Amino acid sequence: MEFRKFRRKQVAELRAIEDYEIKMFKIDGKLKPHLDVEVSISQEDLKNGSPRLGDMVARNPKNHLDQWLVAEQYFNDNFEEY
C-alpha cells in the first residue's frame, strides 16, 4: 500500500484530556467523557502510555460522538491554536 501526503482543509476541534478521565480509564479501560461518547485510542498510543495528561481529544465537527485520542507529541508537532 502506498501512502500519499495530504494537507487538511479545515480547522480541527480538540480539547485536553482531563485528570478524571485518566482515573476512570485506569478503572474500566475505556475513555468515556460522557455516557454516549467513547474516545477511540490506537493500540500504538496505548502501548506508549496514553491516555495521559498532555494528550488531546479530537472530534469530528459533523458528528460530535466520533472522537479519538491525539497523543501529546503528535499534537505538538502538527497543531497550533487557531
PDB file of N, CA and C in Angstrom:
ATOM      1  N   MET A   1       0.831  -1.184   0.000  1.00  0.00           N
ATOM      2  CA  MET A   1       0.000   0.000   0.000  1.00  0.00           C
ATOM      3  C   MET A   1       0.874   1.245   0.000  1.00  0.00           C
ATOM      4  N   GLU A   2       0.496   2.209  -0.786  1.00  0.00           N
ATOM      5  CA  GLU A   2       1.253   3.456  -0.865  1.00  0.00           C
ATOM      6  C   GLU A   2       0.541   4.562  -0.097  1.00  0.00           C
ATOM      7  N   PHE A   3       1.276   5.226   0.775  1.00  0.00           N
ATOM      8  CA  PHE A   3       0.752   6.386   1.482  1.00  0.00           C
ATOM      9  C   PHE A   3       1.152   7.635   0.722  1.00  0.00           C
ATOM     10  N   ARG A   4       0.219   8.587   0.621  1.00  0.00           N
ATOM     11  CA  ARG A   4       0.488   9.871  -0.010  1.00  0.00           C
ATOM     12  C   ARG A   4       0.271  10.964   1.017  1.00  0.00           C
ATOM     13  N   LYS A   5       0.855  12.111   0.790  1.00  0.00           N
ATOM     14  CA  LYS A   5       0.716  13.234   1.720  1.00  0.00           C
ATOM     15  C   LYS A   5      -0.492  14.080   1.351  1.00  0.00           C
ATOM     16  N   PHE A   6      -1.243  14.486   2.395  1.00  0.00           N
ATOM     17  CA  PHE A   6      -2.396  15.361   2.234  1.00  0.00           C
ATOM     18  C   PHE A   6      -2.323  16.468   3.268  1.00  0.00           C
ATOM     19  N   ARG A   7      -2.835  17.623   2.922  1.00  0.00           N
ATOM     20  CA  ARG A   7      -2.928  18.749   3.838  1.00  0.00           C
ATOM     21  C   ARG A   7      -4.392  18.892   4.256  1.00  0.00           C
ATOM     22  N   ARG A   8      -4.628  19.189   5.504  1.00  0.00           N
ATOM     23  CA  ARG A   8      -6.004  19.373   5.974  1.00  0.00           C
ATOM     24  C   ARG A   8      -6.594  20.668   5.427  1.00  0.00           C
ATOM     25  N   LYS A   9      -7.895  20.648   5.149  1.00  0.00           N
ATOM     26  CA  LYS A   9      -8.587  21.804   4.581  1.00  0.00           C
ATOM     27  C   LYS A   9      -9.330  22.626   5.621  1.00  0.00           C
ATOM     28  N   GLN A  10      -9.565  22.078   6.792  1.00  0.00           N
ATOM     29  CA  GLN A  10     -10.398  22.790   7.753  1.00  0.00           C
ATOM     30  C   GLN A  10      -9.759  22.828   9.133  1.00  0.00           C
ATOM     31  N   VAL A  11     -10.383  23.567   9.997  1.00  0.00           N
ATOM     32  CA  VAL A  11      -9.927  23.698  11.377  1.00  0.00           C
ATOM     33  C   VAL A  11     -10.353  22.453  12.154  1.00  0.00           C
ATOM     34  N   ALA A  12      -9.458  21.935  12.987  1.00  0.00           N
ATOM     35  CA  ALA A  12      -9.761  20.761  13.808  1.00  0.00           C
ATOM     36  C   ALA A  12     -10.301  21.208  15.167  1.00  0.00           C
ATOM     37  N   GLU A  13     -11.136  20.374  15.750  1.00  0.00           N
ATOM     38  CA  GLU A  13     -11.680  20.630  17.088  1.00  0.00           C
ATOM     39  C   GLU A  13     -11.030  19.654  18.055  1.00  0.00           C
ATOM     40  N   LEU A  14     -10.289  20.184  19.034  1.00  0.00           N
ATOM     41  CA  LEU A  14      -9.609  19.348  20.022  1.00  0.00           C
ATOM     42  C   LEU A  14      -9.781  19.944  21.409  1.00  0.00           C
ATOM     43  N   ARG A  15      -9.617  19.086  22.413  1.00  0.00           N
ATOM     44  CA  ARG A  15      -9.622  19.521  23.810  1.00  0.00           C
ATOM     45  C   ARG A  15      -8.617  18.689  24.576  1.00  0.00           C
ATOM     46  N   ALA A  16      -8.203  19.193  25.707  1.00  0.00           N
ATOM     47  CA  ALA A  16      -7.225  18.491  26.547  1.00  0.00           C
ATOM     48  C   ALA A  16      -7.879  17.329  27.294  1.00  0.00           C
ATOM     49  N   ILE A  17      -7.105  16.267  27.496  1.00  0.00           N
ATOM     50  CA  ILE A  17      -7.517  15.153  28.362  1.00  0.00           C
ATOM     51  C   ILE A  17      -7.573  15.684  29.790  1.00  0.00           C
ATOM     52  N   GLU A  18      -8.564  15.258  30.533  1.00  0.00           N
ATOM     53  CA  GLU A  18      -8.702  15.696  31.926  1.00  0.00           C
ATOM     54  C   GLU A  18      -8.268  14.576  32.870  1.00  0.00           C
ATOM     55  N   ASP A  19      -7.786  14.955  34.031  1.00  0.00           N
ATOM     56  CA  ASP A  19      -7.278  14.006  35.014  1.00  0.00           C
ATOM     57  C   ASP A  19      -8.317  12.951  35.384  1.00  0.00           C
ATOM     58  N   TYR A  20      -9.578  13.360  35.568  1.00  0.00           N
ATOM     59  CA  TYR A  20     -10.607  12.395  35.960  1.00  0.00           C
ATOM     60  C   TYR A  20     -10.812  11.335  34.876  1.00  0.00           C
ATOM     61  N   GLU A  21     -10.600  11.694  33.601  1.00  0.00           N
ATOM     62  CA  GLU A  21     -10.751  10.726  32.513  1.00  0.00           C
ATOM     63  C   GLU A  21      -9.677   9.645  32.597  1.00  0.00           C
ATOM     64  N   ILE A  22      -8.479  10.048  32.945  1.00  0.00           N
ATOM     65  CA  ILE A  22      -7.384   9.084  33.094  1.00  0.00           C
ATOM     66  C   ILE A  22      -7.674   8.145  34.256  1.00  0.00           C
ATOM     67  N   LYS A  23      -8.160   8.685  35.364  1.00  0.00           N
ATOM     68  CA  LYS A  23      -8.505   7.851  36.518  1.00  0.00           C
ATOM     69  C   LYS A  23      -9.592   6.845  36.166  1.00  0.00           C
ATOM     70  N   MET A  24     -10.621   7.277  35.436  1.00  0.00           N
ATOM     71  CA  MET A  24     -11.693   6.374  35.036  1.00  0.00           C
ATOM     72  C   MET A  24     -11.181   5.324  34.037  1.00  0.00           C
ATOM     73  N   PHE A  25     -10.260   5.712  33.152  1.00  0.00           N
ATOM     74  CA  PHE A  25      -9.686   4.769  32.200  1.00  0.00           C
ATOM     75  C   PHE A  25      -8.946   3.652  32.938  1.00  0.00           C
ATOM     76  N   LYS A  26      -8.236   4.008  33.994  1.00  0.00           N
ATOM     77  CA  LYS A  26      -7.498   3.003  34.771  1.00  0.00           C
ATOM     78  C   LYS A  26      -8.441   2.022  35.460  1.00  0.00           C
ATOM     79  N   ILE A  27      -9.663   2.452  35.736  1.00  0.00           N
ATOM     80  CA  ILE A  27     -10.643   1.582  36.401  1.00  0.00           C
ATOM     81  C   ILE A  27     -11.323   0.648  35.399  1.00  0.00           C
ATOM     82  N   ASP A  28     -11.831   1.203  34.295  1.00  0.00           N
ATOM     83  CA  ASP A  28     -12.623   0.367  33.386  1.00  0.00           C
ATOM     84  C   ASP A  28     -12.059   0.195  31.977  1.00  0.00           C
ATOM     85  N   GLY A  29     -10.878   0.768  31.705  1.00  0.00           N
ATOM     86  CA  GLY A  29     -10.237   0.554  30.409  1.00  0.00           C
ATOM     87  C   GLY A  29     -10.875   1.278  29.243  1.00  0.00           C
ATOM     88  N   LYS A  30     -11.754   2.237  29.539  1.00  0.00           N
ATOM     89  CA  LYS A  30     -12.408   2.996  28.483  1.00  0.00           C
ATOM     90  C   LYS A  30     -12.283   4.484  28.781  1.00  0.00           C
ATOM     91  N   LEU A  31     -12.138   5.258  27.730  1.00  0.00           N
ATOM     92  CA  LEU A  31     -12.101   6.718  27.851  1.00  0.00           C
ATOM     93  C   LEU A  31     -13.473   7.224  27.442  1.00  0.00           C
ATOM     94  N   LYS A  32     -14.337   7.457  28.446  1.00  0.00           N
ATOM     95  CA  LYS A  32     -15.725   7.845  28.204  1.00  0.00           C
ATOM     96  C   LYS A  32     -16.021   9.147  28.938  1.00  0.00           C
ATOM     97  N   PRO A  33     -15.849  10.293  28.257  1.00  0.00           N
ATOM     98  CA  PRO A  33     -16.120  11.566  28.908  1.00  0.00           C
ATOM     99  C   PRO A  33     -17.605  11.803  29.185  1.00  0.00           C
ATOM    100  N   HIS A  34     -18.463  11.138  28.426  1.00  0.00           N
ATOM    101  CA  HIS A  34     -19.916  11.218  28.601  1.00  0.00           C
ATOM    102  C   HIS A  34     -20.492   9.832  28.387  1.00  0.00           C
ATOM    103  N   LEU A  35     -21.718   9.615  28.844  1.00  0.00           N
ATOM    104  CA  LEU A  35     -22.334   8.296  28.701  1.00  0.00           C
ATOM    105  C   LEU A  35     -22.448   7.852  27.246  1.00  0.00           C
ATOM    106  N   ASP A  36     -22.691   8.792  26.333  1.00  0.00           N
ATOM    107  CA  ASP A  36     -22.920   8.431  24.933  1.00  0.00           C
ATOM    108  C   ASP A  36     -21.677   8.568  24.054  1.00  0.00           C
ATOM    109  N   VAL A  37     -20.518   8.828  24.646  1.00  0.00           N
ATOM    110  CA  VAL A  37     -19.288   9.036  23.876  1.00  0.00           C
ATOM    111  C   VAL A  37     -18.180   8.144  24.415  1.00  0.00           C
ATOM    112  N   GLU A  38     -17.499   7.426  23.502  1.00  0.00           N
ATOM    113  CA  GLU A  38     -16.284   6.707  23.864  1.00  0.00           C
ATOM    114  C   GLU A  38     -15.181   7.147  22.914  1.00  0.00           C
ATOM    115  N   VAL A  39     -14.072   7.606  23.466  1.00  0.00           N
ATOM    116  CA  VAL A  39     -12.946   8.108  22.686  1.00  0.00           C
ATOM    117  C   VAL A  39     -12.109   6.925  22.208  1.00  0.00           C
ATOM    118  N   SER A  40     -11.855   6.848  20.900  1.00  0.00           N
ATOM    119  CA  SER A  40     -11.017   5.788  20.338  1.00  0.00           C
ATOM    120  C   SER A  40      -9.548   6.072  20.654  1.00  0.00           C
ATOM    121  N   ILE A  41      -8.823   5.010  21.014  1.00  0.00           N
ATOM    122  CA  ILE A  41      -7.388   5.120  21.276  1.00  0.00           C
ATOM    123  C   ILE A  41      -6.695   4.010  20.495  1.00  0.00           C
ATOM    124  N   SER A  42      -5.705   4.375  19.682  1.00  0.00           N
ATOM    125  CA  SER A  42      -4.988   3.376  18.891  1.00  0.00           C
ATOM    126  C   SER A  42      -4.158   2.472  19.807  1.00  0.00           C
ATOM    127  N   GLN A  43      -3.887   1.274  19.322  1.00  0.00           N
ATOM    128  CA  GLN A  43      -3.045   0.334  20.072  1.00  0.00           C
ATOM    129  C   GLN A  43      -1.655   0.918  20.302  1.00  0.00           C
ATOM    130  N   GLU A  44      -1.113   1.635  19.326  1.00  0.00           N
ATOM    131  CA  GLU A  44       0.207   2.249  19.478  1.00  0.00           C
ATOM    132  C   GLU A  44       0.204   3.286  20.592  1.00  0.00           C
ATOM    133  N   ASP A  45      -0.840   4.101  20.653  1.00  0.00           N
ATOM    134  CA  ASP A  45      -0.909   5.091  21.727  1.00  0.00           C
ATOM    135  C   ASP A  45      -1.056   4.421  23.082  1.00  0.00           C
ATOM    136  N   LEU A  46      -1.846   3.352  23.158  1.00  0.00           N
ATOM    137  CA  LEU A  46      -1.966   2.609  24.409  1.00  0.00           C
ATOM    138  C   LEU A  46      -0.613   2.048  24.835  1.00  0.00           C
ATOM    139  N   LYS A  47       0.131   1.468  23.882  1.00  0.00           N
ATOM    140  CA  LYS A  47       1.456   0.913  24.201  1.00  0.00           C
ATOM    141  C   LYS A  47       2.419   1.988  24.683  1.00  0.00           C
ATOM    142  N   ASN A  48       2.228   3.219  24.215  1.00  0.00           N
ATOM    143  CA  ASN A  48       3.104   4.329  24.595  1.00  0.00           C
ATOM    144  C   ASN A  48       2.631   5.067  25.845  1.00  0.00           C
ATOM    145  N   GLY A  49       1.626   4.531  26.546  1.00  0.00           N
ATOM    146  CA  GLY A  49       1.232   5.089  27.825  1.00  0.00           C
ATOM    147  C   GLY A  49       0.029   6.013  27.818  1.00  0.00           C
ATOM    148  N   SER A  50      -0.596   6.224  26.697  1.00  0.00           N
ATOM    149  CA  SER A  50      -1.801   7.060  26.644  1.00  0.00           C
ATOM    150  C   SER A  50      -2.978   6.260  27.174  1.00  0.00           C
ATOM    151  N   PRO A  51      -3.986   6.921  27.709  1.00  0.00           N
ATOM    152  CA  PRO A  51      -4.135   8.367  27.817  1.00  0.00           C
ATOM    153  C   PRO A  51      -3.350   8.923  29.002  1.00  0.00           C
ATOM    154  N   ARG A  52      -2.839  10.123  28.820  1.00  0.00           N
ATOM    155  CA  ARG A  52      -2.108  10.809  29.884  1.00  0.00           C
ATOM    156  C   ARG A  52      -2.285  12.314  29.707  1.00  0.00           C
ATOM    157  N   LEU A  53      -1.993  13.041  30.767  1.00  0.00           N
ATOM    158  CA  LEU A  53      -2.096  14.493  30.690  1.00  0.00           C
ATOM    159  C   LEU A  53      -1.176  14.994  29.584  1.00  0.00           C
ATOM    160  N   GLY A  54      -1.647  15.932  28.797  1.00  0.00           N
ATOM    161  CA  GLY A  54      -0.920  16.442  27.645  1.00  0.00           C
ATOM    162  C   GLY A  54      -1.492  15.910  26.342  1.00  0.00           C
ATOM    163  N   ASP A  55      -2.143  14.728  26.392  1.00  0.00           N
ATOM    164  CA  ASP A  55      -2.836  14.207  25.214  1.00  0.00           C
ATOM    165  C   ASP A  55      -4.075  15.065  24.961  1.00  0.00           C
ATOM    166  N   MET A  56      -4.588  14.977  23.757  1.00  0.00           N
ATOM    167  CA  MET A  56      -5.770  15.731  23.370  1.00  0.00           C
ATOM    168  C   MET A  56      -6.826  14.777  22.834  1.00  0.00           C
ATOM    169  N   VAL A  57      -8.074  15.239  22.836  1.00  0.00           N
ATOM    170  CA  VAL A  57      -9.175  14.504  22.224  1.00  0.00           C
ATOM    171  C   VAL A  57      -9.659  15.338  21.043  1.00  0.00           C
ATOM    172  N   ALA A  58      -9.687  14.713  19.870  1.00  0.00           N
ATOM    173  CA  ALA A  58     -10.219  15.362  18.671  1.00  0.00           C
ATOM    174  C   ALA A  58     -11.630  14.843  18.438  1.00  0.00           C
ATOM    175  N   ARG A  59     -12.436  15.671  17.764  1.00  0.00           N
ATOM    176  CA  ARG A  59     -13.772  15.200  17.407  1.00  0.00           C
ATOM    177  C   ARG A  59     -14.096  15.609  15.982  1.00  0.00           C
ATOM    178  N   ASN A  60     -14.951  14.819  15.377  1.00  0.00           N
ATOM    179  CA  ASN A  60     -15.456  15.104  14.050  1.00  0.00           C
ATOM    180  C   ASN A  60     -16.441  16.267  14.190  1.00  0.00           C
ATOM    181  N   PRO A  61     -16.215  17.407  13.525  1.00  0.00           N
ATOM    182  CA  PRO A  61     -17.113  18.544  13.683  1.00  0.00           C
ATOM    183  C   PRO A  61     -18.528  18.284  13.169  1.00  0.00           C
ATOM    184  N   LYS A  62     -18.693  17.258  12.345  1.00  0.00           N
ATOM    185  CA  LYS A  62     -20.027  16.938  11.824  1.00  0.00           C
ATOM    186  C   LYS A  62     -20.709  15.824  12.608  1.00  0.00           C
ATOM    187  N   ASN A  63     -19.967  15.166  13.494  1.00  0.00           N
ATOM    188  CA  ASN A  63     -20.526  14.109  14.339  1.00  0.00           C
ATOM    189  C   ASN A  63     -19.761  14.122  15.651  1.00  0.00           C
ATOM    190  N   HIS A  64     -20.269  14.810  16.635  1.00  0.00           N
ATOM    191  CA  HIS A  64     -19.556  15.005  17.897  1.00  0.00           C
ATOM    192  C   HIS A  64     -19.404  13.720  18.705  1.00  0.00           C
ATOM    193  N   LEU A  65     -20.098  12.653  18.320  1.00  0.00           N
ATOM    194  CA  LEU A  65     -19.920  11.371  19.004  1.00  0.00           C
ATOM    195  C   LEU A  65     -18.674  10.638  18.507  1.00  0.00           C
ATOM    196  N   ASP A  66     -18.121  11.047  17.371  1.00  0.00           N
ATOM    197  CA  ASP A  66     -16.917  10.460  16.784  1.00  0.00           C
ATOM    198  C   ASP A  66     -15.701  11.199  17.332  1.00  0.00           C
ATOM    199  N   GLN A  67     -15.026  10.577  18.317  1.00  0.00           N
ATOM    200  CA  GLN A  67     -13.888  11.215  18.990  1.00  0.00           C
ATOM    201  C   GLN A  67     -12.724  10.243  19.075  1.00  0.00           C
ATOM    202  N   TRP A  68     -11.493  10.789  19.054  1.00  0.00           N
ATOM    203  CA  TRP A  68     -10.306   9.948  19.118  1.00  0.00           C
ATOM    204  C   TRP A  68      -9.193  10.690  19.841  1.00  0.00           C
ATOM    205  N   LEU A  69      -8.287   9.926  20.415  1.00  0.00           N
ATOM    206  CA  LEU A  69      -7.160  10.484  21.147  1.00  0.00           C
ATOM    207  C   LEU A  69      -6.065  10.916  20.185  1.00  0.00           C
ATOM    208  N   VAL A  70      -5.459  12.056  20.476  1.00  0.00           N
ATOM    209  CA  VAL A  70      -4.289  12.547  19.751  1.00  0.00           C
ATOM    210  C   VAL A  70      -3.170  12.656  20.785  1.00  0.00           C
ATOM    211  N   ALA A  71      -2.123  11.870  20.594  1.00  0.00           N
ATOM    212  CA  ALA A  71      -1.008  11.865  21.545  1.00  0.00           C
ATOM    213  C   ALA A  71      -0.348  13.243  21.598  1.00  0.00           C
ATOM    214  N   GLU A  72       0.180  13.576  22.771  1.00  0.00           N
ATOM    215  CA  GLU A  72       0.760  14.900  23.014  1.00  0.00           C
ATOM    216  C   GLU A  72       1.815  15.285  21.976  1.00  0.00           C
ATOM    217  N   GLN A  73       2.749  14.390  21.691  1.00  0.00           N
ATOM    218  CA  GLN A  73       3.830  14.756  20.769  1.00  0.00           C
ATOM    219  C   GLN A  73       3.307  15.012  19.362  1.00  0.00           C
ATOM    220  N   TYR A  74       2.375  14.180  18.902  1.00  0.00           N
ATOM    221  CA  TYR A  74       1.787  14.394  17.579  1.00  0.00           C
ATOM    222  C   TYR A  74       1.043  15.734  17.544  1.00  0.00           C
ATOM    223  N   PHE A  75       0.305  16.005  18.606  1.00  0.00           N
ATOM    224  CA  PHE A  75      -0.409  17.282  18.692  1.00  0.00           C
ATOM    225  C   PHE A  75       0.578  18.454  18.621  1.00  0.00           C
ATOM    226  N   ASN A  76       1.619  18.399  19.435  1.00  0.00           N
ATOM    227  CA  ASN A  76       2.599  19.498  19.463  1.00  0.00           C
ATOM    228  C   ASN A  76       3.302  19.683  18.122  1.00  0.00           C
ATOM    229  N   ASP A  77       3.549  18.595  17.418  1.00  0.00           N
ATOM    230  CA  ASP A  77       4.232  18.661  16.128  1.00  0.00           C
ATOM    231  C   ASP A  77       3.342  19.174  14.994  1.00  0.00           C
ATOM    232  N   ASN A  78       2.018  19.006  15.129  1.00  0.00           N
ATOM    233  CA  ASN A  78       1.144  19.230  13.987  1.00  0.00           C
ATOM    234  C   ASN A  78       0.015  20.245  14.165  1.00  0.00           C
ATOM    235  N   PHE A  79      -0.179  20.754  15.361  1.00  0.00           N
ATOM    236  CA  PHE A  79      -1.312  21.659  15.582  1.00  0.00           C
ATOM    237  C   PHE A  79      -0.838  22.938  16.274  1.00  0.00           C
ATOM    238  N   GLU A  80      -1.556  24.017  15.992  1.00  0.00           N
ATOM    239  CA  GLU A  80      -1.394  25.270  16.735  1.00  0.00           C
ATOM    240  C   GLU A  80      -2.779  25.873  16.882  1.00  0.00           C
ATOM    241  N   GLU A  81      -2.981  26.627  17.945  1.00  0.00           N
ATOM    242  CA  GLU A  81      -4.307  27.196  18.187  1.00  0.00           C
ATOM    243  C   GLU A  81      -4.688  28.160  17.080  1.00  0.00           C
ATOM    244  N   TYR A  82      -5.936  28.110  16.672  1.00  0.00           N
ATOM    245  CA  TYR A  82      -6.463  28.898  15.552  1.00  0.00           C
ATOM    246  C   TYR A  82      -6.785  30.303  15.981  1.00  0.00           C
TER     247      TYR A  82
END
